[in-house]
Amino acid sequence: WGWNFIADRDTTLNIQYNRMEAYGVHAFQIPGGVPAYQIYVRP
């Protein structure tokens, strides 16, 4: 799966997958929080 895919230019996207699925991925930063990113995923 690829989520929120932005197609704004010619892109090479190599894909690997097998027997695990990473579903519903969402990434964000918490305003005013530590300088880090948060990621949600359902495996």
All heavy atoms as atom14 arrays in JSON, in Angstrom:
{
  "sequence": "WGWNFIADRDTTLNIQYNRMEAYGVHAFQIPGGVPAYQIYVRP",
  "atom14_mask": [
    [1, 1, 1, 1, 1, 1, 1, 1, 1, 1, 1, 1, 1, 1],
    [1, 1, 1, 1, 0, 0, 0, 0, 0, 0, 0, 0, 0, 0],
    [1, 1, 1, 1, 1, 1, 1, 1, 1, 1, 1, 1, 1, 1],
    [1, 1, 1, 1, 1, 1, 1, 1, 0, 0, 0, 0, 0, 0],
    [1, 1, 1, 1, 1, 1, 1, 1, 1, 1, 1, 0, 0, 0],
    [1, 1, 1, 1, 1, 1, 1, 1, 0, 0, 0, 0, 0, 0],
    [1, 1, 1, 1, 1, 0, 0, 0, 0, 0, 0, 0, 0, 0],
    [1, 1, 1, 1, 1, 1, 1, 1, 0, 0, 0, 0, 0, 0],
    [1, 1, 1, 1, 1, 1, 1, 1, 1, 1, 1, 0, 0, 0],
    [1, 1, 1, 1, 1, 1, 1, 1, 0, 0, 0, 0, 0, 0],
    [1, 1, 1, 1, 1, 1, 1, 0, 0, 0, 0, 0, 0, 0],
    [1, 1, 1, 1, 1, 1, 1, 0, 0, 0, 0, 0, 0, 0],
    [1, 1, 1, 1, 1, 1, 1, 1, 0, 0, 0, 0, 0, 0],
    [1, 1, 1, 1, 1, 1, 1, 1, 0, 0, 0, 0, 0, 0],
    [1, 1, 1, 1, 1, 1, 1, 1, 0, 0, 0, 0, 0, 0],
    [1, 1, 1, 1, 1, 1, 1, 1, 1, 0, 0, 0, 0, 0],
    [1, 1, 1, 1, 1, 1, 1, 1, 1, 1, 1, 1, 0, 0],
    [1, 1, 1, 1, 1, 1, 1, 1, 0, 0, 0, 0, 0, 0],
    [1, 1, 1, 1, 1, 1, 1, 1, 1, 1, 1, 0, 0, 0],
    [1, 1, 1, 1, 1, 1, 1, 1, 0, 0, 0, 0, 0, 0],
    [1, 1, 1, 1, 1, 1, 1, 1, 1, 0, 0, 0, 0, 0],
    [1, 1, 1, 1, 1, 0, 0, 0, 0, 0, 0, 0, 0, 0],
    [1, 1, 1, 1, 1, 1, 1, 1, 1, 1, 1, 1, 0, 0],
    [1, 1, 1, 1, 0, 0, 0, 0, 0, 0, 0, 0, 0, 0],
    [1, 1, 1, 1, 1, 1, 1, 0, 0, 0, 0, 0, 0, 0],
    [1, 1, 1, 1, 1, 1, 1, 1, 1, 1, 0, 0, 0, 0],
    [1, 1, 1, 1, 1, 0, 0, 0, 0, 0, 0, 0, 0, 0],
    [1, 1, 1, 1, 1, 1, 1, 1, 1, 1, 1, 0, 0, 0],
    [1, 1, 1, 1, 1, 1, 1, 1, 1, 0, 0, 0, 0, 0],
    [1, 1, 1, 1, 1, 1, 1, 1, 0, 0, 0, 0, 0, 0],
    [1, 1, 1, 1, 1, 1, 1, 0, 0, 0, 0, 0, 0, 0],
    [1, 1, 1, 1, 0, 0, 0, 0, 0, 0, 0, 0, 0, 0],
    [1, 1, 1, 1, 0, 0, 0, 0, 0, 0, 0, 0, 0, 0],
    [1, 1, 1, 1, 1, 1, 1, 0, 0, 0, 0, 0, 0, 0],
    [1, 1, 1, 1, 1, 1, 1, 0, 0, 0, 0, 0, 0, 0],
    [1, 1, 1, 1, 1, 0, 0, 0, 0, 0, 0, 0, 0, 0],
    [1, 1, 1, 1, 1, 1, 1, 1, 1, 1, 1, 1, 0, 0],
    [1, 1, 1, 1, 1, 1, 1, 1, 1, 0, 0, 0, 0, 0],
    [1, 1, 1, 1, 1, 1, 1, 1, 0, 0, 0, 0, 0, 0],
    [1, 1, 1, 1, 1, 1, 1, 1, 1, 1, 1, 1, 0, 0],
    [1, 1, 1, 1, 1, 1, 1, 0, 0, 0, 0, 0, 0, 0],
    [1, 1, 1, 1, 1, 1, 1, 1, 1, 1, 1, 0, 0, 0],
    [1, 1, 1, 1, 1, 1, 1, 0, 0, 0, 0, 0, 0, 0]
  ],
  "atom14_positions": [
    [[0.83, -1.2, 0.0], [0.0, 0.0, 0.0], [0.86, 1.25, 0.0], [1.91, 1.3, 0.65], [-0.9, 0.04, 1.24], [-2.03, -0.93, 1.22], [-2.07, -2.15, 1.85], [-3.28, -0.79, 0.55], [-3.26, -2.77, 1.61], [-4.03, -1.96, 0.81], [-3.83, 0.21, -0.25], [-5.31, -2.15, 0.31], [-5.11, 0.02, -0.75], [-5.84, -1.15, -0.47]],
    [[0.39, 2.26, -0.72], [0.95, 3.6, -0.63], [-0.2, 4.55, -0.33], [-1.27, 4.44, -0.93], [0.0, 0.0, 0.0], [0.0, 0.0, 0.0], [0.0, 0.0, 0.0], [0.0, 0.0, 0.0], [0.0, 0.0, 0.0], [0.0, 0.0, 0.0], [0.0, 0.0, 0.0], [0.0, 0.0, 0.0], [0.0, 0.0, 0.0], [0.0, 0.0, 0.0]],
    [[0.01, 5.46, 0.6], [-1.08, 6.31, 1.08], [-0.78, 7.78, 0.82], [0.35, 8.23, 0.95], [-1.29, 6.08, 2.58], [-1.58, 4.64, 2.9], [-0.68, 3.69, 3.3], [-2.84, 3.97, 2.82], [-1.3, 2.47, 3.47], [-2.63, 2.62, 3.19], [-4.13, 4.38, 2.48], [-3.66, 1.68, 3.22], [-5.16, 3.45, 2.51], [-4.92, 2.11, 2.89]],
    [[-1.85, 8.52, 0.46], [-1.73, 9.96, 0.19], [-0.64, 10.21, -0.85], [0.19, 11.11, -0.7], [-1.41, 10.72, 1.5], [-1.72, 12.19, 1.4], [-2.8, 12.58, 0.97], [-0.79, 13.03, 1.82], [0.0, 0.0, 0.0], [0.0, 0.0, 0.0], [0.0, 0.0, 0.0], [0.0, 0.0, 0.0], [0.0, 0.0, 0.0], [0.0, 0.0, 0.0]],
    [[-0.65, 9.43, -1.92], [0.42, 9.47, -2.91], [0.31, 10.73, -3.76], [-0.73, 11.0, -4.36], [0.36, 8.23, -3.81], [1.48, 8.16, -4.79], [2.75, 7.8, -4.39], [1.26, 8.45, -6.13], [3.79, 7.73, -5.31], [2.3, 8.38, -7.05], [3.56, 8.03, -6.63], [0.0, 0.0, 0.0], [0.0, 0.0, 0.0], [0.0, 0.0, 0.0]],
    [[1.39, 11.5, -3.82], [1.41, 12.76, -4.56], [2.14, 12.54, -5.89], [3.34, 12.26, -5.91], [2.08, 13.87, -3.75], [1.3, 14.09, -2.44], [2.15, 15.17, -4.55], [1.95, 15.07, -1.49], [0.0, 0.0, 0.0], [0.0, 0.0, 0.0], [0.0, 0.0, 0.0], [0.0, 0.0, 0.0], [0.0, 0.0, 0.0], [0.0, 0.0, 0.0]],
    [[1.4, 12.65, -6.98], [1.96, 12.45, -8.31], [2.13, 13.82, -8.96], [1.28, 14.27, -9.74], [1.04, 11.56, -9.14], [0.0, 0.0, 0.0], [0.0, 0.0, 0.0], [0.0, 0.0, 0.0], [0.0, 0.0, 0.0], [0.0, 0.0, 0.0], [0.0, 0.0, 0.0], [0.0, 0.0, 0.0], [0.0, 0.0, 0.0], [0.0, 0.0, 0.0]],
    [[3.22, 14.48, -8.63], [3.45, 15.82, -9.18], [4.61, 15.87, -10.16], [4.91, 16.9, -10.73], [3.71, 16.82, -8.05], [4.99, 16.53, -7.29], [5.45, 15.36, -7.32], [5.53, 17.45, -6.65], [0.0, 0.0, 0.0], [0.0, 0.0, 0.0], [0.0, 0.0, 0.0], [0.0, 0.0, 0.0], [0.0, 0.0, 0.0], [0.0, 0.0, 0.0]],
    [[5.27, 14.73, -10.37], [6.42, 14.66, -11.29], [6.66, 13.21, -11.66], [6.14, 12.28, -11.02], [7.66, 15.25, -10.6], [8.15, 14.44, -9.39], [9.05, 15.27, -8.5], [8.28, 16.34, -7.84], [8.83, 17.49, -7.43], [10.13, 17.7, -7.59], [8.09, 18.41, -6.85], [0.0, 0.0, 0.0], [0.0, 0.0, 0.0], [0.0, 0.0, 0.0]],
    [[7.47, 12.99, -12.69], [7.85, 11.63, -13.05], [8.58, 10.99, -11.88], [9.48, 11.61, -11.28], [8.75, 11.63, -14.29], [8.03, 12.11, -15.54], [6.79, 12.17, -15.52], [8.71, 12.43, -16.54], [0.0, 0.0, 0.0], [0.0, 0.0, 0.0], [0.0, 0.0, 0.0], [0.0, 0.0, 0.0], [0.0, 0.0, 0.0], [0.0, 0.0, 0.0]],
    [[8.19, 9.78, -11.54], [8.7, 9.14, -10.31], [9.03, 7.68, -10.56], [8.31, 6.98, -11.28], [7.64, 9.23, -9.2], [7.31, 10.6, -8.96], [8.14, 8.61, -7.9], [0.0, 0.0, 0.0], [0.0, 0.0, 0.0], [0.0, 0.0, 0.0], [0.0, 0.0, 0.0], [0.0, 0.0, 0.0], [0.0, 0.0, 0.0], [0.0, 0.0, 0.0]],
    [[10.12, 7.23, -9.94], [10.44, 5.8, -9.9], [10.04, 5.27, -8.54], [10.53, 5.74, -7.51], [11.94, 5.55, -10.13], [12.31, 6.03, -11.43], [12.26, 4.06, -10.04], [0.0, 0.0, 0.0], [0.0, 0.0, 0.0], [0.0, 0.0, 0.0], [0.0, 0.0, 0.0], [0.0, 0.0, 0.0], [0.0, 0.0, 0.0], [0.0, 0.0, 0.0]],
    [[9.14, 4.32, -8.52], [8.66, 3.72, -7.28], [8.86, 2.21, -7.36], [8.1, 1.5, -8.01], [7.19, 4.05, -7.05], [6.55, 3.41, -5.81], [7.25, 3.86, -4.54], [5.05, 3.73, -5.76], [0.0, 0.0, 0.0], [0.0, 0.0, 0.0], [0.0, 0.0, 0.0], [0.0, 0.0, 0.0], [0.0, 0.0, 0.0], [0.0, 0.0, 0.0]],
    [[9.92, 1.74, -6.7], [10.16, 0.3, -6.61], [9.43, -0.24, -5.39], [9.49, 0.34, -4.31], [11.66, 0.02, -6.52], [12.39, 0.38, -7.79], [11.89, 0.13, -8.9], [13.56, 0.98, -7.69], [0.0, 0.0, 0.0], [0.0, 0.0, 0.0], [0.0, 0.0, 0.0], [0.0, 0.0, 0.0], [0.0, 0.0, 0.0], [0.0, 0.0, 0.0]],
    [[8.76, -1.36, -5.58], [7.88, -1.91, -4.55], [8.34, -3.3, -4.15], [8.68, -4.13, -5.0], [6.44, -1.99, -5.1], [5.89, -0.58, -5.32], [5.53, -2.78, -4.17], [4.57, -0.55, -6.08], [0.0, 0.0, 0.0], [0.0, 0.0, 0.0], [0.0, 0.0, 0.0], [0.0, 0.0, 0.0], [0.0, 0.0, 0.0], [0.0, 0.0, 0.0]],
    [[8.38, -3.55, -2.85], [8.64, -4.89, -2.31], [7.49, -5.26, -1.37], [7.04, -4.45, -0.57], [9.96, -4.93, -1.54], [11.2, -4.82, -2.41], [12.48, -4.87, -1.59], [12.75, -3.99, -0.78], [13.26, -5.91, -1.79], [0.0, 0.0, 0.0], [0.0, 0.0, 0.0], [0.0, 0.0, 0.0], [0.0, 0.0, 0.0], [0.0, 0.0, 0.0]],
    [[7.04, -6.49, -1.47], [6.03, -6.95, -0.52], [6.02, -8.46, -0.48], [6.54, -9.13, -1.38], [4.65, -6.38, -0.85], [3.91, -7.08, -1.97], [2.97, -8.06, -1.68], [4.13, -6.76, -3.3], [2.26, -8.7, -2.69], [3.43, -7.37, -4.31], [2.49, -8.36, -4.01], [1.81, -8.98, -5.01], [0.0, 0.0, 0.0], [0.0, 0.0, 0.0]],
    [[5.44, -8.99, 0.58], [5.32, -10.44, 0.69], [4.13, -10.81, 1.55], [3.0, -10.66, 1.12], [6.62, -11.06, 1.22], [6.75, -12.53, 0.85], [5.78, -13.14, 0.4], [7.91, -13.11, 1.04], [0.0, 0.0, 0.0], [0.0, 0.0, 0.0], [0.0, 0.0, 0.0], [0.0, 0.0, 0.0], [0.0, 0.0, 0.0], [0.0, 0.0, 0.0]],
    [[4.34, -11.17, 2.82], [3.25, -11.73, 3.62], [2.84, -10.85, 4.81], [2.11, -11.3, 5.69], [3.66, -13.12, 4.12], [3.79, -14.14, 2.99], [4.39, -15.44, 3.46], [3.54, -16.16, 4.38], [2.6, -17.04, 4.02], [2.36, -17.26, 2.73], [1.88, -17.68, 4.92], [0.0, 0.0, 0.0], [0.0, 0.0, 0.0], [0.0, 0.0, 0.0]],
    [[3.31, -9.6, 4.82], [2.87, -8.65, 5.83], [2.28, -7.43, 5.13], [2.8, -6.99, 4.1], [4.04, -8.21, 6.72], [3.7, -7.13, 7.73], [2.73, -7.7, 9.13], [4.05, -8.32, 10.19], [0.0, 0.0, 0.0], [0.0, 0.0, 0.0], [0.0, 0.0, 0.0], [0.0, 0.0, 0.0], [0.0, 0.0, 0.0], [0.0, 0.0, 0.0]],
    [[1.2, -6.92, 5.67], [0.55, -5.75, 5.08], [0.57, -4.61, 6.09], [0.26, -4.79, 7.26], [-0.89, -6.11, 4.72], [-1.67, -5.02, 4.04], [-3.05, -5.51, 3.62], [-3.12, -6.56, 2.95], [-4.04, -4.86, 3.98], [0.0, 0.0, 0.0], [0.0, 0.0, 0.0], [0.0, 0.0, 0.0], [0.0, 0.0, 0.0], [0.0, 0.0, 0.0]],
    [[0.98, -3.42, 5.64], [0.97, -2.21, 6.48], [-0.17, -1.34, 5.99], [-0.04, -0.62, 5.0], [2.31, -1.49, 6.39], [0.0, 0.0, 0.0], [0.0, 0.0, 0.0], [0.0, 0.0, 0.0], [0.0, 0.0, 0.0], [0.0, 0.0, 0.0], [0.0, 0.0, 0.0], [0.0, 0.0, 0.0], [0.0, 0.0, 0.0], [0.0, 0.0, 0.0]],
    [[-1.29, -1.42, 6.69], [-2.53, -0.8, 6.22], [-2.8, 0.51, 6.97], [-2.44, 0.66, 8.14], [-3.69, -1.77, 6.44], [-4.99, -1.31, 5.84], [-5.25, -1.43, 4.48], [-5.96, -0.73, 6.65], [-6.44, -1.0, 3.94], [-7.16, -0.29, 6.11], [-7.4, -0.43, 4.76], [-8.58, 0.01, 4.23], [0.0, 0.0, 0.0], [0.0, 0.0, 0.0]],
    [[-3.47, 1.44, 6.28], [-3.95, 2.66, 6.94], [-2.87, 3.56, 7.5], [-3.08, 4.22, 8.51], [0.0, 0.0, 0.0], [0.0, 0.0, 0.0], [0.0, 0.0, 0.0], [0.0, 0.0, 0.0], [0.0, 0.0, 0.0], [0.0, 0.0, 0.0], [0.0, 0.0, 0.0], [0.0, 0.0, 0.0], [0.0, 0.0, 0.0], [0.0, 0.0, 0.0]],
    [[-1.71, 3.63, 6.85], [-0.6, 4.44, 7.37], [-0.95, 5.92, 7.33], [-1.52, 6.42, 6.36], [0.68, 4.18, 6.56], [1.8, 5.11, 7.03], [1.11, 2.72, 6.69], [0.0, 0.0, 0.0], [0.0, 0.0, 0.0], [0.0, 0.0, 0.0], [0.0, 0.0, 0.0], [0.0, 0.0, 0.0], [0.0, 0.0, 0.0], [0.0, 0.0, 0.0]],
    [[-0.6, 6.6, 8.41], [-0.75, 8.05, 8.47], [0.41, 8.62, 9.27], [0.73, 8.09, 10.34], [-2.08, 8.44, 9.12], [-2.37, 9.91, 9.03], [-2.77, 10.52, 7.86], [-2.28, 10.89, 9.95], [-2.94, 11.8, 8.07], [-2.65, 12.07, 9.34], [0.0, 0.0, 0.0], [0.0, 0.0, 0.0], [0.0, 0.0, 0.0], [0.0, 0.0, 0.0]],
    [[1.06, 9.65, 8.76], [2.2, 10.29, 9.44], [1.88, 11.75, 9.69], [1.23, 12.41, 8.87], [3.47, 10.15, 8.59], [0.0, 0.0, 0.0], [0.0, 0.0, 0.0], [0.0, 0.0, 0.0], [0.0, 0.0, 0.0], [0.0, 0.0, 0.0], [0.0, 0.0, 0.0], [0.0, 0.0, 0.0], [0.0, 0.0, 0.0], [0.0, 0.0, 0.0]],
    [[2.35, 12.26, 10.83], [2.07, 13.65, 11.18], [3.03, 14.11, 12.28], [3.74, 13.3, 12.88], [0.62, 13.81, 11.67], [0.29, 12.97, 12.88], [0.31, 13.51, 14.15], [-0.04, 11.62, 12.74], [-0.01, 12.75, 15.27], [-0.35, 10.84, 13.85], [-0.33, 11.41, 15.11], [0.0, 0.0, 0.0], [0.0, 0.0, 0.0], [0.0, 0.0, 0.0]],
    [[3.05, 15.42, 12.52], [3.77, 15.99, 13.65], [2.77, 16.62, 14.61], [1.73, 17.15, 14.18], [4.78, 17.05, 13.2], [6.09, 16.46, 12.7], [7.17, 17.5, 12.51], [6.97, 18.5, 11.83], [8.33, 17.28, 13.12], [0.0, 0.0, 0.0], [0.0, 0.0, 0.0], [0.0, 0.0, 0.0], [0.0, 0.0, 0.0], [0.0, 0.0, 0.0]],
    [[3.06, 16.55, 15.89], [2.19, 17.16, 16.89], [2.59, 18.62, 17.06], [3.74, 18.91, 17.43], [2.31, 16.42, 18.24], [1.86, 14.96, 18.06], [1.48, 17.11, 19.31], [2.06, 14.11, 19.3], [0.0, 0.0, 0.0], [0.0, 0.0, 0.0], [0.0, 0.0, 0.0], [0.0, 0.0, 0.0], [0.0, 0.0, 0.0], [0.0, 0.0, 0.0]],
    [[1.69, 19.56, 16.8], [2.03, 20.99, 16.96], [2.47, 21.28, 18.4], [1.78, 20.91, 19.35], [0.71, 21.71, 16.62], [-0.04, 20.73, 15.77], [0.31, 19.38, 16.29], [0.0, 0.0, 0.0], [0.0, 0.0, 0.0], [0.0, 0.0, 0.0], [0.0, 0.0, 0.0], [0.0, 0.0, 0.0], [0.0, 0.0, 0.0], [0.0, 0.0, 0.0]],
    [[3.62, 21.92, 18.54], [4.13, 22.24, 19.85], [4.79, 21.08, 20.56], [5.24, 21.22, 21.72], [0.0, 0.0, 0.0], [0.0, 0.0, 0.0], [0.0, 0.0, 0.0], [0.0, 0.0, 0.0], [0.0, 0.0, 0.0], [0.0, 0.0, 0.0], [0.0, 0.0, 0.0], [0.0, 0.0, 0.0], [0.0, 0.0, 0.0], [0.0, 0.0, 0.0]],
    [[4.86, 19.92, 19.91], [5.46, 18.74, 20.52], [6.95, 18.67, 20.26], [7.57, 19.61, 19.75], [0.0, 0.0, 0.0], [0.0, 0.0, 0.0], [0.0, 0.0, 0.0], [0.0, 0.0, 0.0], [0.0, 0.0, 0.0], [0.0, 0.0, 0.0], [0.0, 0.0, 0.0], [0.0, 0.0, 0.0], [0.0, 0.0, 0.0], [0.0, 0.0, 0.0]],
    [[7.53, 17.54, 20.59], [8.97, 17.34, 20.39], [9.25, 17.27, 18.89], [8.36, 16.94, 18.09], [9.45, 16.05, 21.08], [9.25, 16.16, 22.58], [8.72, 14.83, 20.53], [0.0, 0.0, 0.0], [0.0, 0.0, 0.0], [0.0, 0.0, 0.0], [0.0, 0.0, 0.0], [0.0, 0.0, 0.0], [0.0, 0.0, 0.0], [0.0, 0.0, 0.0]],
    [[10.48, 17.58, 18.47], [10.82, 17.52, 17.03], [10.93, 16.07, 16.56], [12.02, 15.49, 16.48], [12.16, 18.25, 16.97], [12.75, 18.08, 18.33], [11.61, 18.07, 19.29], [0.0, 0.0, 0.0], [0.0, 0.0, 0.0], [0.0, 0.0, 0.0], [0.0, 0.0, 0.0], [0.0, 0.0, 0.0], [0.0, 0.0, 0.0], [0.0, 0.0, 0.0]],
    [[9.79, 15.48, 16.28], [9.72, 14.08, 15.85], [8.46, 13.91, 15.01], [7.61, 14.8, 14.94], [9.7, 13.15, 17.06], [0.0, 0.0, 0.0], [0.0, 0.0, 0.0], [0.0, 0.0, 0.0], [0.0, 0.0, 0.0], [0.0, 0.0, 0.0], [0.0, 0.0, 0.0], [0.0, 0.0, 0.0], [0.0, 0.0, 0.0], [0.0, 0.0, 0.0]],
    [[8.35, 12.76, 14.37], [7.16, 12.42, 13.6], [6.44, 11.25, 14.26], [7.07, 10.36, 14.85], [7.52, 12.07, 12.16], [7.91, 13.26, 11.33], [9.24, 13.57, 11.1], [6.94, 14.08, 10.76], [9.6, 14.68, 10.33], [7.29, 15.18, 9.99], [8.61, 15.47, 9.78], [8.96, 16.57, 9.04], [0.0, 0.0, 0.0], [0.0, 0.0, 0.0]],
    [[5.12, 11.27, 14.13], [4.29, 10.19, 14.62], [3.73, 9.41, 13.43], [3.34, 10.01, 12.42], [3.14, 10.73, 15.46], [3.52, 11.82, 16.46], [4.49, 11.35, 17.52], [4.38, 10.23, 18.0], [5.44, 12.2, 17.88], [0.0, 0.0, 0.0], [0.0, 0.0, 0.0], [0.0, 0.0, 0.0], [0.0, 0.0, 0.0], [0.0, 0.0, 0.0]],
    [[3.67, 8.11, 13.56], [3.16, 7.26, 12.48], [2.13, 6.29, 13.05], [2.38, 5.65, 14.08], [4.29, 6.46, 11.8], [5.35, 7.41, 11.23], [3.73, 5.57, 10.7], [6.58, 6.69, 10.71], [0.0, 0.0, 0.0], [0.0, 0.0, 0.0], [0.0, 0.0, 0.0], [0.0, 0.0, 0.0], [0.0, 0.0, 0.0], [0.0, 0.0, 0.0]],
    [[1.01, 6.21, 12.39], [-0.02, 5.22, 12.75], [-0.07, 4.17, 11.64], [-0.03, 4.5, 10.45], [-1.39, 5.88, 12.86], [-2.5, 4.91, 13.19], [-2.85, 4.64, 14.51], [-3.18, 4.24, 12.17], [-3.86, 3.74, 14.81], [-4.18, 3.33, 12.46], [-4.52, 3.09, 13.78], [-5.51, 2.19, 14.07], [0.0, 0.0, 0.0], [0.0, 0.0, 0.0]],
    [[-0.17, 2.9, 12.02], [-0.27, 1.83, 11.03], [-1.0, 0.64, 11.64], [-0.82, 0.31, 12.81], [1.12, 1.41, 10.5], [2.03, 0.93, 11.63], [1.0, 0.32, 9.42], [0.0, 0.0, 0.0], [0.0, 0.0, 0.0], [0.0, 0.0, 0.0], [0.0, 0.0, 0.0], [0.0, 0.0, 0.0], [0.0, 0.0, 0.0], [0.0, 0.0, 0.0]],
    [[-1.84, 0.01, 10.82], [-2.49, -1.23, 11.24], [-1.86, -2.39, 10.46], [-1.97, -2.45, 9.23], [-3.99, -1.2, 10.95], [-4.7, -2.47, 11.49], [-5.89, -2.85, 10.64], [-6.92, -1.84, 10.63], [-7.99, -1.91, 9.82], [-8.11, -2.9, 8.96], [-8.9, -0.97, 9.84], [0.0, 0.0, 0.0], [0.0, 0.0, 0.0], [0.0, 0.0, 0.0]],
    [[-1.17, -3.3, 11.13], [-0.48, -4.41, 10.44], [-1.37, -5.63, 10.28], [-2.37, -5.8, 10.97], [0.67, -4.72, 11.4], [0.09, -4.43, 12.76], [-0.9, -3.3, 12.58], [0.0, 0.0, 0.0], [0.0, 0.0, 0.0], [0.0, 0.0, 0.0], [0.0, 0.0, 0.0], [0.0, 0.0, 0.0], [0.0, 0.0, 0.0], [0.0, 0.0, 0.0]]
  ]
}
